[in-house]
Amino acid sequence: MADAQVNVLVVEDDADTALFVRTVLERRAGMSVTVVGDAMSALAHVATHALDLVLTDIQLPGMSGLELLGELRSAAPGVPVVVMTAFASVDYAVDALQREADDFLVKPLSAADLVERATRIAERGRARREAHQGAVVLAVGAHPDDVEIGVGATLAAHRDAGDTIAVLTLSGGAVGGDTDERHGEALAAAAVVGARLFLLDFADTHLDPAAGLITAIEETIAQVRPTIVYTHSEHDRHQDHRATHRAVQVAARQVPTLGCFQSPSATVDFRPTRFVTVDGYVDTKLEMLAAFASQAHRAYMAPDLVRATARYWARFGTGTFVEPLEMVRTAGGVGATGSGARAQVEHGVHEGSEGA
């Protein structure tokens, strides 16, 4: 392919086959190849990396390649998936194609055939995604669950509109619990809406824009290339939230649309000027929040309070449920022009004459 290097994930537990596929695609096709040996590792990789192609064996430990195919359709929409098997069975092929596999390869693989088909399918996948390119959304939070509590339903609406979603979490949230556990929870929440997750390890409660925070956000923006960024409001009691807001203001200076969400620690000075209608997406937001089991004891995670908050803000917008945003700047509304769910994101957002 003439453009950027093709990124491939190979899911194969046989070391010889994995080495063969990796060597052929790297040396003959110039692709960048990552190899993992099981489905769960594949899903973890997909959550944090942009891919052009996935090649997966059918026979995998734990979860089969066909089961993984179904998970990938939610976790990495638009990314082509090719299924490999040593069993040249019509039933296997039919099953794989019925589950929307992009191709079916039988081992032993021919190097020439592997290169030709991998290149063609990756090109086709890129063209398909470019033809249906929507907004690219980056939501930046100081701690795990910040983004989800602030704009979880809005992200779900973006997902259904076909937009690309990424979440950047700046700390592991060590003050609120075990960082490894919270990392796993963040991955699970991101998977609900098919978002890429970038999880950094800045010190919880000590975020400082002048101590590398701006640079780290700039690096993520360079990878994601968002057209829309959501982050914390400056009107917030938590010092990490305010620091994140200040850092994003600088790092996202070239992004056309920047909006600030409400956190449970927001002050009465939080004054939204846009109100995103999220009818039909509150349940998805609650599913995202349910992933953060270690934080279930916090009052603001209670489903009835989440619903009541969204119901309250609807008095300033339309529909039954709303998420509020303080808009720093906007380019044609929150969300790209389109139909269906994207139209709900855009047309369900209203200017407020005086805020709230």
Protein backbone atom coordinates (compact mmCIF):
# COMPACT_ATOMS: atom_id res chain seq x y z
CA MET A 1 0.00 0.00 0.00
CA ALA A 2 1.31 3.43 -0.95
CA ASP A 3 0.26 5.31 2.17
CA ALA A 4 1.20 4.71 5.81
CA GLN A 5 2.53 1.31 6.87
CA VAL A 6 -0.12 -1.37 7.29
CA ASN A 7 -0.59 -2.50 10.91
CA VAL A 8 -1.50 -6.17 11.30
CA LEU A 9 -2.43 -8.24 14.34
CA VAL A 10 -1.83 -12.00 14.06
CA VAL A 11 -3.67 -14.18 16.61
CA GLU A 12 -1.94 -17.57 16.49
CA ASP A 13 -0.85 -19.92 19.27
CA ASP A 14 1.35 -22.10 17.04
CA ALA A 15 4.82 -20.55 17.19
CA ASP A 16 5.98 -21.83 13.77
CA THR A 17 2.91 -20.55 11.94
CA ALA A 18 3.06 -17.21 13.77
CA LEU A 19 6.74 -16.77 12.83
CA PHE A 20 6.02 -17.65 9.19
CA VAL A 21 3.14 -15.18 8.87
CA ARG A 22 5.05 -12.42 10.63
CA THR A 23 8.21 -12.91 8.53
CA VAL A 24 6.35 -13.01 5.22
CA LEU A 25 4.21 -9.93 5.92
CA GLU A 26 7.09 -7.89 7.32
CA ARG A 27 9.75 -8.79 4.73
CA ARG A 28 7.67 -9.20 1.57
CA ALA A 29 4.85 -6.73 2.20
CA GLY A 30 6.55 -4.17 4.47
CA MET A 31 3.81 -4.45 7.08
CA SER A 32 4.10 -3.90 10.82
CA VAL A 33 3.05 -7.13 12.52
CA THR A 34 2.18 -7.89 16.15
CA VAL A 35 1.65 -11.50 17.26
CA VAL A 36 -0.43 -12.66 20.24
CA GLY A 37 -1.33 -16.19 21.23
CA ASP A 38 -4.89 -15.95 22.52
CA ALA A 39 -8.16 -14.07 22.03
CA MET A 40 -8.06 -12.05 25.27
CA SER A 41 -4.60 -10.69 24.41
CA ALA A 42 -5.95 -9.80 20.97
CA LEU A 43 -8.86 -7.83 22.43
CA ALA A 44 -6.53 -5.99 24.81
CA HIS A 45 -4.27 -5.05 21.87
CA VAL A 46 -7.18 -3.91 19.71
CA ALA A 47 -8.38 -1.62 22.50
CA THR A 48 -5.14 0.40 22.44
CA HIS A 49 -3.85 0.19 18.85
CA ALA A 50 -5.09 1.25 15.42
CA LEU A 51 -5.12 -1.72 13.05
CA ASP A 52 -5.63 -2.31 9.33
CA LEU A 53 -6.03 -6.11 9.46
CA VAL A 54 -6.48 -9.01 11.90
CA LEU A 55 -5.44 -12.57 10.98
CA THR A 56 -6.73 -15.13 13.46
CA ASP A 57 -6.50 -18.90 13.74
CA ILE A 58 -9.76 -20.74 14.47
CA GLN A 59 -8.27 -23.08 17.08
CA LEU A 60 -7.24 -20.83 19.99
CA PRO A 61 -7.01 -21.45 23.74
CA GLY A 62 -10.00 -20.20 25.70
CA MET A 63 -12.03 -18.47 23.02
CA SER A 64 -12.12 -19.72 19.44
CA GLY A 65 -11.20 -17.58 16.46
CA LEU A 66 -14.83 -17.52 15.34
CA GLU A 67 -15.94 -16.29 18.76
CA LEU A 68 -13.15 -13.71 18.65
CA LEU A 69 -14.45 -12.58 15.26
CA GLY A 70 -17.75 -11.60 16.86
CA GLU A 71 -15.99 -9.67 19.61
CA LEU A 72 -13.77 -7.86 17.09
CA ARG A 73 -16.80 -6.63 15.17
CA SER A 74 -17.79 -4.66 18.29
CA ALA A 75 -14.32 -3.76 19.56
CA ALA A 76 -12.81 -2.76 16.18
CA PRO A 77 -15.63 -1.91 13.77
CA GLY A 78 -14.46 -1.61 10.18
CA VAL A 79 -11.20 -3.53 10.66
CA PRO A 80 -11.01 -6.53 8.27
CA VAL A 81 -10.66 -9.97 9.88
CA VAL A 82 -9.22 -13.00 8.05
CA VAL A 83 -9.72 -16.45 9.57
CA MET A 84 -7.01 -19.14 9.22
CA THR A 85 -7.42 -22.86 9.81
CA ALA A 86 -5.64 -26.14 9.13
CA PHE A 87 -8.99 -27.80 8.39
CA ALA A 88 -10.05 -27.34 4.76
CA SER A 89 -13.71 -27.81 5.64
CA VAL A 90 -16.58 -26.21 3.75
CA ASP A 91 -18.46 -25.99 7.04
CA TYR A 92 -15.63 -23.99 8.64
CA ALA A 93 -15.51 -21.62 5.69
CA VAL A 94 -19.27 -21.12 5.62
CA ASP A 95 -19.37 -20.53 9.38
CA ALA A 96 -16.56 -17.97 9.18
CA LEU A 97 -18.11 -16.09 6.27
CA GLN A 98 -21.56 -16.13 7.87
CA ARG A 99 -19.97 -14.41 10.87
CA GLU A 100 -18.76 -11.70 8.47
CA ALA A 101 -15.13 -12.75 8.13
CA ASP A 102 -13.49 -10.86 5.27
CA ASP A 103 -11.63 -13.95 4.01
CA PHE A 104 -10.76 -17.54 4.86
CA LEU A 105 -7.25 -19.02 4.53
CA VAL A 106 -6.34 -22.71 4.73
CA LYS A 107 -2.97 -23.82 6.14
CA PRO A 108 -0.31 -24.47 5.03
CA LEU A 109 -0.23 -20.93 3.72
CA SER A 110 1.48 -19.91 0.51
CA ALA A 111 3.72 -16.89 1.02
CA ALA A 112 2.65 -15.30 -2.27
CA ASP A 113 -1.05 -15.90 -1.57
CA LEU A 114 -0.72 -14.56 1.98
CA VAL A 115 0.91 -11.32 0.80
CA GLU A 116 -1.56 -10.79 -2.05
CA ARG A 117 -4.68 -11.39 -0.01
CA ALA A 118 -3.51 -9.56 3.12
CA THR A 119 -2.56 -6.51 1.06
CA ARG A 120 -5.80 -6.52 -0.92
CA ILE A 121 -8.03 -6.94 2.11
CA ALA A 122 -6.19 -4.30 4.16
CA GLU A 123 -6.49 -1.84 1.24
CA ARG A 124 -10.17 -2.61 0.88
CA GLY A 125 -10.72 -2.10 4.61
CA ARG A 126 -8.97 1.28 4.56
CA ALA A 127 -10.98 2.42 1.56
CA ARG A 128 -14.21 1.31 3.23
CA ARG A 129 -13.42 3.18 6.43
CA GLU A 130 -12.35 6.31 4.55
CA ALA A 131 -15.56 6.26 2.50
CA HIS A 132 -17.61 6.24 5.71
CA GLN A 133 -15.34 8.55 7.68
CA GLY A 134 -17.20 10.39 10.41
CA ALA A 135 -15.96 12.47 13.28
CA VAL A 136 -12.91 11.40 15.27
CA VAL A 137 -13.60 11.88 18.97
CA LEU A 138 -11.05 11.99 21.80
CA ALA A 139 -12.32 12.16 25.39
CA VAL A 140 -9.67 13.07 27.98
CA GLY A 141 -10.10 12.34 31.69
CA ALA A 142 -7.82 12.63 34.70
CA HIS A 143 -8.80 9.26 36.22
CA PRO A 144 -10.51 6.01 35.18
CA ASP A 145 -14.32 6.57 35.01
CA ASP A 146 -14.07 10.38 34.59
CA VAL A 147 -14.86 10.31 30.89
CA GLU A 148 -17.59 7.70 31.27
CA ILE A 149 -19.44 9.62 33.98
CA GLY A 150 -19.07 12.87 32.03
CA VAL A 151 -19.90 11.94 28.43
CA GLY A 152 -20.50 8.19 28.36
CA ALA A 153 -23.88 8.49 26.65
CA THR A 154 -22.56 11.05 24.16
CA LEU A 155 -19.74 8.66 23.22
CA ALA A 156 -22.31 5.89 22.72
CA ALA A 157 -24.22 8.15 20.32
CA HIS A 158 -21.00 8.91 18.44
CA ARG A 159 -20.33 5.16 18.20
CA ASP A 160 -23.73 4.51 16.65
CA ALA A 161 -23.14 7.38 14.23
CA GLY A 162 -20.08 5.53 12.93
CA ASP A 163 -17.60 7.95 14.48
CA THR A 164 -14.17 6.86 15.71
CA ILE A 165 -13.75 7.08 19.48
CA ALA A 166 -10.66 7.19 21.70
CA VAL A 167 -10.35 7.69 25.45
CA LEU A 168 -7.24 9.12 27.10
CA THR A 169 -6.97 8.59 30.86
CA LEU A 170 -4.02 10.41 32.39
CA SER A 171 -3.56 8.48 35.65
CA GLY A 172 -4.21 4.99 36.96
CA GLY A 173 -6.35 6.37 39.78
CA ALA A 174 -4.13 4.95 42.52
CA VAL A 175 -5.78 7.05 45.22
CA GLY A 176 -9.12 5.40 44.44
CA GLY A 177 -7.95 1.78 44.25
CA ASP A 178 -5.56 -0.76 42.76
CA THR A 179 -4.19 0.58 39.46
CA ASP A 180 -4.08 -2.84 37.75
CA GLU A 181 -7.72 -3.45 38.64
CA ARG A 182 -8.73 0.01 37.48
CA HIS A 183 -6.80 -0.50 34.24
CA GLY A 184 -8.80 -3.63 33.52
CA GLU A 185 -12.03 -1.81 34.33
CA ALA A 186 -11.11 1.03 31.97
CA LEU A 187 -10.44 -1.45 29.16
CA ALA A 188 -13.81 -3.11 29.74
CA ALA A 189 -15.62 0.24 29.72
CA ALA A 190 -13.89 1.34 26.51
CA ALA A 191 -14.85 -1.95 24.84
CA VAL A 192 -18.55 -1.21 25.42
CA VAL A 193 -18.40 1.58 22.80
CA GLY A 194 -15.46 0.22 20.79
CA ALA A 195 -13.11 3.00 21.92
CA ARG A 196 -9.31 2.90 21.78
CA LEU A 197 -7.95 3.40 25.29
CA PHE A 198 -4.78 5.31 26.09
CA LEU A 199 -3.97 4.92 29.78
CA LEU A 200 -1.03 6.91 31.17
CA ASP A 201 0.59 6.74 34.60
CA PHE A 202 0.84 10.32 35.84
CA ALA A 203 0.61 10.54 39.63
CA ASP A 204 -2.98 10.67 40.87
CA THR A 205 -3.80 14.01 42.62
CA HIS A 206 -0.54 15.54 41.32
CA LEU A 207 -1.30 16.27 37.66
CA ASP A 208 0.58 19.33 36.44
CA PRO A 209 0.37 20.81 32.93
CA ALA A 210 4.00 21.92 33.21
CA ALA A 211 5.26 18.47 34.18
CA GLY A 212 4.83 16.60 30.90
CA LEU A 213 1.04 16.57 30.81
CA ILE A 214 0.68 18.83 27.77
CA THR A 215 3.29 16.89 25.80
CA ALA A 216 1.62 13.55 26.59
CA ILE A 217 -1.77 14.83 25.42
CA GLU A 218 -0.20 16.30 22.27
CA GLU A 219 1.36 12.92 21.48
CA THR A 220 -2.02 11.20 21.77
CA ILE A 221 -3.68 13.86 19.62
CA ALA A 222 -0.97 13.31 16.98
CA GLN A 223 -1.88 9.60 16.89
CA VAL A 224 -5.66 9.95 17.01
CA ARG A 225 -6.05 13.18 14.97
CA PRO A 226 -9.38 14.08 16.56
CA THR A 227 -11.88 16.53 15.15
CA ILE A 228 -13.68 16.69 18.50
CA VAL A 229 -12.20 16.68 22.01
CA TYR A 230 -14.12 16.38 25.29
CA THR A 231 -12.48 17.00 28.67
CA HIS A 232 -13.01 18.36 32.18
CA SER A 233 -14.39 21.81 32.92
CA GLU A 234 -12.22 24.39 34.67
CA HIS A 235 -15.14 24.84 37.09
CA ASP A 236 -14.25 21.89 39.30
CA ARG A 237 -13.11 21.36 42.89
CA HIS A 238 -10.66 18.57 41.98
CA GLN A 239 -7.17 19.83 41.21
CA ASP A 240 -6.50 17.03 38.70
CA HIS A 241 -9.62 17.97 36.74
CA ARG A 242 -8.59 21.61 36.54
CA ALA A 243 -5.04 20.64 35.56
CA THR A 244 -6.38 18.37 32.82
CA HIS A 245 -8.58 21.16 31.50
CA ARG A 246 -5.64 23.58 31.30
CA ALA A 247 -3.38 21.02 29.62
CA VAL A 248 -6.01 20.06 27.04
CA GLN A 249 -6.66 23.72 26.24
CA VAL A 250 -3.05 24.00 25.08
CA ALA A 251 -2.55 20.53 23.59
CA ALA A 252 -5.82 20.60 21.59
CA ARG A 253 -5.42 24.15 20.30
CA GLN A 254 -5.64 22.98 16.68
CA VAL A 255 -8.69 20.72 17.18
CA PRO A 256 -11.82 22.29 15.64
CA THR A 257 -14.26 21.39 18.43
CA LEU A 258 -13.56 21.38 22.16
CA GLY A 259 -16.22 20.80 24.81
CA CYS A 260 -16.02 20.39 28.60
CA PHE A 261 -18.14 17.92 30.54
CA GLN A 262 -19.52 17.95 34.05
CA SER A 263 -17.88 15.87 36.77
CA PRO A 264 -19.39 14.99 40.15
CA SER A 265 -16.92 17.49 41.65
CA ALA A 266 -17.98 20.34 39.33
CA THR A 267 -18.83 23.60 41.06
CA VAL A 268 -21.95 25.76 40.70
CA ASP A 269 -19.96 27.81 38.18
CA PHE A 270 -20.26 24.99 35.64
CA ARG A 271 -22.35 26.71 32.96
CA PRO A 272 -23.07 24.54 29.92
CA THR A 273 -23.90 26.15 26.60
CA ARG A 274 -24.72 22.95 24.70
CA PHE A 275 -27.05 20.15 25.65
CA VAL A 276 -26.62 16.81 23.88
CA THR A 277 -29.78 14.72 23.68
CA VAL A 278 -28.84 11.14 24.66
CA ASP A 279 -32.19 9.37 24.62
CA GLY A 280 -31.54 5.68 24.05
CA TYR A 281 -27.93 5.86 25.24
CA VAL A 282 -28.20 6.14 29.02
CA ASP A 283 -28.32 2.36 29.39
CA THR A 284 -25.05 2.09 27.45
CA LYS A 285 -23.53 4.70 29.75
CA LEU A 286 -24.64 2.64 32.75
CA GLU A 287 -23.05 -0.45 31.19
CA MET A 288 -19.78 1.46 30.88
CA LEU A 289 -19.99 2.61 34.50
CA ALA A 290 -20.82 -0.91 35.69
CA ALA A 291 -17.38 -1.98 34.43
CA PHE A 292 -15.86 0.07 37.26
CA ALA A 293 -16.86 -2.38 39.97
CA SER A 294 -14.17 -1.09 42.36
CA GLN A 295 -15.91 2.31 42.37
CA ALA A 296 -19.47 1.01 42.82
CA HIS A 297 -19.59 2.37 46.37
CA ARG A 298 -19.38 5.96 45.16
CA ALA A 299 -22.72 7.77 45.21
CA TYR A 300 -22.29 9.31 41.76
CA MET A 301 -22.06 5.83 40.18
CA ALA A 302 -25.61 4.91 41.29
CA PRO A 303 -27.80 4.29 38.22
CA ASP A 304 -30.73 6.28 39.61
CA LEU A 305 -28.51 9.34 40.16
CA VAL A 306 -26.99 9.02 36.67
CA ARG A 307 -30.47 8.91 35.15
CA ALA A 308 -31.73 11.76 37.35
CA THR A 309 -28.80 13.99 36.36
CA ALA A 310 -29.41 13.40 32.65
CA ARG A 311 -33.14 13.98 33.21
CA TYR A 312 -32.46 17.28 34.99
CA TRP A 313 -30.36 18.69 32.15
CA ALA A 314 -33.14 17.84 29.67
CA ARG A 315 -35.00 20.92 30.91
CA PHE A 316 -32.51 22.98 28.88
CA GLY A 317 -32.58 20.80 25.76
CA THR A 318 -34.88 18.42 23.94
CA GLY A 319 -35.74 14.81 24.59
CA THR A 320 -35.82 13.01 27.91
CA PHE A 321 -32.10 12.72 28.75
CA VAL A 322 -29.27 15.18 28.13
CA GLU A 323 -25.53 15.50 28.80
CA PRO A 324 -24.32 19.12 29.21
CA LEU A 325 -21.18 20.66 27.73
CA GLU A 326 -19.38 23.96 28.19
CA MET A 327 -18.21 24.70 24.64
CA VAL A 328 -14.79 26.28 24.31
CA ARG A 329 -15.13 26.32 20.52
CA THR A 330 -17.09 24.47 17.88
CA ALA A 331 -16.91 23.77 14.16
CA GLY A 332 -20.35 22.95 12.80
CA GLY A 333 -21.76 21.41 15.97
CA VAL A 334 -20.83 18.46 18.13
CA GLY A 335 -20.59 15.66 15.61
CA ALA A 336 -20.24 15.57 11.85
CA THR A 337 -23.10 16.16 9.46
CA GLY A 338 -24.92 12.96 8.69
CA SER A 339 -28.01 10.91 9.37
CA GLY A 340 -29.26 8.52 11.99
CA ALA A 341 -27.41 8.54 15.30
CA ARG A 342 -24.94 11.19 14.10
CA ALA A 343 -27.84 13.49 13.34
CA GLN A 344 -29.05 12.91 16.89
CA VAL A 345 -25.66 13.95 18.23
CA GLU A 346 -25.59 17.08 16.10
CA HIS A 347 -29.22 18.12 16.04
CA GLY A 348 -29.79 17.13 19.64
CA VAL A 349 -27.29 19.73 20.76
CA HIS A 350 -28.69 23.15 21.50
CA GLU A 351 -27.20 26.50 22.32
CA GLY A 352 -28.10 27.83 25.76
CA SER A 353 -28.75 31.56 25.97
CA GLU A 354 -27.58 31.91 29.54
CA GLY A 355 -26.22 28.54 30.57
CA ALA A 356 -27.44 26.93 33.76
